[in-house]
Protein backbone atom coordinates (compact mmCIF):
# COMPACT_ATOMS: atom_id res chain seq x y z
CA MET A 1 27.26 -15.08 -2.02
CA GLU A 2 28.95 -12.12 0.09
CA ILE A 3 28.66 -14.20 3.95
CA PRO A 4 30.68 -13.11 6.76
CA LEU A 5 33.40 -14.69 7.83
CA PHE A 6 34.18 -16.35 11.55
CA PRO A 7 37.74 -17.03 11.64
CA LEU A 8 38.91 -19.61 14.46
CA HIS A 9 42.10 -21.18 16.11
CA ASN A 10 41.77 -25.62 16.18
CA LEU A 11 37.77 -25.02 15.22
CA VAL A 12 37.24 -27.06 11.66
CA LEU A 13 32.95 -27.23 11.94
CA PHE A 14 31.33 -29.76 9.72
CA PRO A 15 27.72 -29.80 8.35
CA GLY A 16 24.83 -31.10 10.76
CA VAL A 17 27.07 -30.59 13.54
CA SER A 18 26.32 -27.82 16.33
CA VAL A 19 29.39 -26.64 18.16
CA PRO A 20 28.50 -24.28 21.41
CA LEU A 21 30.46 -20.98 20.85
CA HIS A 22 31.11 -18.37 23.53
CA ILE A 23 31.31 -14.62 21.71
CA PHE A 24 33.21 -11.44 23.00
CA GLU A 25 35.32 -9.57 21.35
CA GLU A 26 33.26 -6.60 19.88
CA ARG A 27 33.41 -7.09 16.24
CA TYR A 28 32.43 -10.45 16.23
CA LYS A 29 29.35 -9.62 19.06
CA LEU A 30 28.04 -6.79 16.20
CA MET A 31 28.13 -9.73 13.43
CA ILE A 32 26.54 -12.49 15.46
CA ASN A 33 23.35 -10.34 16.43
CA ALA A 34 23.48 -8.83 13.43
CA CYS A 35 23.22 -12.91 11.73
CA ILE A 36 20.65 -13.50 14.36
CA ASP A 37 18.85 -10.60 14.08
CA ASN A 38 18.67 -11.06 10.69
CA ASP A 39 17.95 -15.04 10.50
CA GLU A 40 21.83 -15.09 8.50
CA ALA A 41 24.53 -17.21 8.34
CA PHE A 42 27.66 -17.18 8.82
CA GLY A 43 30.93 -18.30 7.51
CA LEU A 44 32.92 -20.93 10.20
CA VAL A 45 36.76 -20.63 8.61
CA LEU A 46 40.17 -22.17 10.45
CA LEU A 47 43.70 -20.49 10.95
CA ARG A 48 46.33 -22.02 9.69
CA ALA A 49 47.96 -23.72 11.54
CA GLY A 50 50.80 -21.70 13.59
CA ALA A 51 49.06 -17.97 12.04
CA ASP A 52 49.71 -15.78 14.79
CA GLU A 53 47.05 -13.35 13.74
CA GLU A 54 44.21 -12.97 11.60
CA ARG A 55 45.40 -12.47 7.37
CA GLU A 56 44.14 -13.01 4.85
CA GLU A 57 47.04 -15.49 3.40
CA THR A 58 46.31 -16.87 7.33
CA ILE A 59 42.50 -18.31 6.21
CA HIS A 60 41.50 -21.48 4.74
CA ARG A 61 39.25 -20.82 1.04
CA VAL A 62 37.21 -23.79 2.82
CA GLY A 63 34.80 -23.69 5.73
CA VAL A 64 31.49 -24.51 6.79
CA THR A 65 28.01 -21.97 6.90
CA ALA A 66 26.88 -22.46 10.63
CA ARG A 67 23.15 -20.83 12.11
CA VAL A 68 22.71 -19.38 15.98
CA VAL A 69 20.89 -21.62 16.54
CA ASN A 70 20.02 -21.11 20.50
CA VAL A 71 21.52 -17.54 22.28
CA GLU A 72 22.12 -17.08 25.83
CA ARG A 73 23.16 -13.40 26.39
CA LEU A 74 25.72 -12.68 29.39
CA ASP A 75 27.09 -9.42 30.77
CA ASP A 76 28.66 -7.25 28.65
CA GLY A 77 26.82 -8.08 25.52
CA ARG A 78 29.07 -11.56 25.63
CA LEU A 79 27.19 -14.49 23.51
CA ASN A 80 27.19 -18.40 24.07
CA ILE A 81 25.60 -19.80 21.05
CA LEU A 82 24.85 -23.03 19.69
CA ALA A 83 25.81 -22.93 15.97
CA GLU A 84 24.54 -25.90 13.71
CA GLY A 85 26.86 -26.60 10.84
CA GLU A 86 24.58 -26.31 7.60
CA SER A 87 26.72 -26.49 4.01
CA ARG A 88 30.22 -26.02 2.77
CA PHE A 89 31.64 -22.96 0.89
CA ARG A 90 35.22 -22.34 -0.47
CA ILE A 91 36.28 -18.21 -0.33
CA LEU A 92 36.41 -17.16 -4.26
CA ARG A 93 37.59 -13.29 -2.53
CA ILE A 94 38.21 -11.09 0.93
CA THR A 95 35.33 -8.85 0.01
CA GLY A 96 36.24 -6.66 3.48
CA GLN A 97 37.72 -6.72 6.85
CA LEU A 98 36.26 -4.11 8.76
CA PRO A 99 34.50 -4.35 11.00
CA TYR A 100 35.40 -8.15 10.54
CA TRP A 101 35.77 -10.15 7.19
CA LYS A 102 33.59 -11.31 4.64
CA ALA A 103 33.96 -12.83 1.87
CA SER A 104 32.39 -14.22 -1.63
CA VAL A 105 31.97 -17.90 -1.73
CA SER A 106 30.33 -20.53 -3.42
CA PHE A 107 28.72 -23.57 -2.21
CA LEU A 108 30.77 -27.15 -2.65
CA GLU A 109 28.73 -29.69 -2.83
CA ASP A 110 30.35 -34.22 -3.04
CA VAL A 111 30.31 -35.51 -6.02
CA GLY A 112 29.41 -39.56 -6.93
CA SER A 113 26.94 -41.69 -5.69
CA ALA A 114 25.48 -42.58 -1.95
CA ALA A 115 25.39 -46.21 -3.27
CA SER A 116 28.76 -46.83 -4.55
CA VAL A 117 30.05 -46.02 -0.99
CA GLU A 118 27.48 -48.50 1.08
CA PRO A 119 30.19 -50.73 1.82
CA LEU A 120 32.86 -48.31 2.92
CA TYR A 121 29.64 -47.19 5.24
CA GLU A 122 29.41 -50.51 6.96
CA THR A 123 33.48 -50.70 7.39
CA VAL A 124 33.47 -47.49 9.03
CA SER A 125 30.25 -47.99 10.80
CA THR A 126 32.28 -50.72 12.69
CA LEU A 127 35.49 -49.50 12.74
CA TYR A 128 33.54 -45.66 14.82
CA ARG A 129 31.28 -48.49 16.80
CA LYS A 130 34.51 -50.46 18.52
CA VAL A 131 36.15 -46.69 18.99
CA PHE A 132 33.48 -46.21 21.38
CA GLU A 133 33.59 -49.53 23.29
CA LEU A 134 36.90 -49.04 23.89
CA GLY A 135 36.64 -45.17 25.00
CA ALA A 136 33.49 -46.69 27.24
CA LYS A 137 35.72 -49.31 28.62
CA LEU A 138 38.05 -46.64 29.70
CA GLY A 139 35.31 -43.99 30.23
CA LEU A 140 35.79 -42.03 28.23
CA SER A 141 32.34 -42.09 27.87
CA GLU A 142 28.50 -42.34 30.20
CA GLU A 143 27.20 -43.32 26.97
CA SER A 144 26.21 -47.38 26.77
CA ASP A 145 25.58 -47.20 22.78
CA VAL A 146 26.32 -44.38 19.59
CA THR A 147 23.27 -44.14 17.27
CA LEU A 148 24.74 -43.30 13.52
CA PRO A 149 23.94 -41.24 11.08
CA ASP A 150 21.70 -43.08 8.57
CA SER A 151 23.54 -40.92 5.32
CA PRO A 152 27.00 -41.27 4.01
CA ALA A 153 27.83 -38.29 3.80
CA ASP A 154 26.44 -37.14 8.01
CA LEU A 155 28.11 -39.55 8.33
CA SER A 156 31.66 -38.57 7.53
CA TYR A 157 31.33 -35.41 8.47
CA MET A 158 29.83 -36.37 12.24
CA ILE A 159 33.29 -38.38 12.45
CA GLY A 160 35.31 -36.13 10.51
CA TYR A 161 34.62 -33.60 13.34
CA VAL A 162 34.47 -35.94 16.84
CA LEU A 163 37.95 -37.93 15.77
CA ASP A 164 41.19 -36.25 18.57
CA ILE A 165 43.33 -35.44 15.17
CA GLU A 166 44.68 -32.19 14.83
CA SER A 167 42.93 -29.72 13.12
CA GLU A 168 44.87 -29.51 9.51
CA GLU A 169 43.85 -33.20 8.69
CA LYS A 170 40.24 -32.61 9.42
CA GLN A 171 40.19 -29.47 7.37
CA LYS A 172 41.81 -31.53 4.12
CA LEU A 173 38.74 -34.24 5.30
CA LEU A 174 36.37 -30.64 5.38
CA GLU A 175 37.79 -29.94 1.67
CA MET A 176 37.59 -33.73 0.18
CA THR A 177 34.75 -33.74 -2.75
CA THR A 178 33.64 -37.24 -2.42
CA VAL A 179 31.81 -39.24 0.21
CA GLY A 180 34.53 -42.18 -0.24
CA GLU A 181 37.87 -40.16 -0.25
CA ARG A 182 36.52 -39.41 2.86
CA PHE A 183 35.99 -42.74 4.75
CA HIS A 184 38.85 -43.67 2.45
CA VAL A 185 41.06 -41.65 5.07
CA LEU A 186 38.84 -42.58 8.21
CA VAL A 187 39.01 -45.77 8.10
CA LEU A 188 42.63 -44.87 8.91
CA HIS A 189 42.09 -42.93 11.70
CA LEU A 190 40.04 -44.81 13.42
CA LYS A 191 42.78 -48.42 12.70
CA GLU A 192 44.98 -45.90 14.76
CA ALA A 193 42.50 -44.34 17.34
CA ILE A 194 41.73 -48.71 18.50
CA GLU A 195 44.99 -48.75 18.62
CA LYS A 196 46.22 -46.56 20.54
CA LEU A 197 43.08 -47.23 22.81
CA GLU A 198 43.78 -50.93 22.87
CA GLN A 199 47.06 -50.58 24.26
CA ARG A 200 45.60 -47.96 27.10
CA ILE A 201 43.50 -50.34 27.90
CA ALA A 202 46.40 -53.27 28.62
CA LEU A 203 48.12 -50.54 30.29
CA LYS A 204 45.38 -49.81 32.60
CA ALA A 205 45.20 -53.20 33.26
CA LYS A 206 48.34 -54.81 34.27
CA VAL A 207 49.19 -51.56 36.76
CA VAL A 208 45.01 -53.08 37.94
CA LYS A 209 47.44 -56.45 38.22
CA ILE A 210 50.09 -55.48 39.75
CA GLN A 211 48.26 -52.91 42.23
CA GLY A 212 46.50 -56.31 42.96
CA ASN A 213 49.77 -58.62 43.93
CA GLY A 214 50.84 -55.40 45.99
CA HIS A 215 53.68 -54.72 44.15
CA LEU A 216 53.30 -51.06 42.78
CA GLY A 217 56.11 -48.30 43.73
CA LYS A 218 58.50 -51.52 44.98
């Protein structure tokens, strides 16, 4: 099928994740309005790192279809929208560029059974809850608890989206074709995040102790 494309720097969308977008370019105002009027999805794709402009060779070939679920219309036709990620796709070929990018795509599905990743699901869930708990101690979150998806695939998508890692690393996660593969990579990223957060907490405690002793600045 053919879909319109919305290439962006530094944003990788995952299925089941909602993202706010500000639409201000004329071509994309046209595209989004057409998607709203026809109740159609568009494809959100990442531009390659270092790309100074949108060209066929700077657009990653795997993205996620997104559907507008909320819209706020502003002056000059600008829009604030909330778009929800639906399905992963692979670009087969670029079919047009004017007034906005269009591509023929096929959809990507994970291979393998969900049952085979249950142990990893528990590991990833535990690690993410630890990250969330440490973040709360640093005041990075106002929430006291976190609700995680029951689906292993949905969990891998959600954590892949919220992790503080480079966009190109998120793109690699998006392109993986098994939940198990994504989980293995997420375990490494989550352990690294835990280590960094624990270091920040230890440093914060040290500073507080120094301040309490009245030695700060001496």
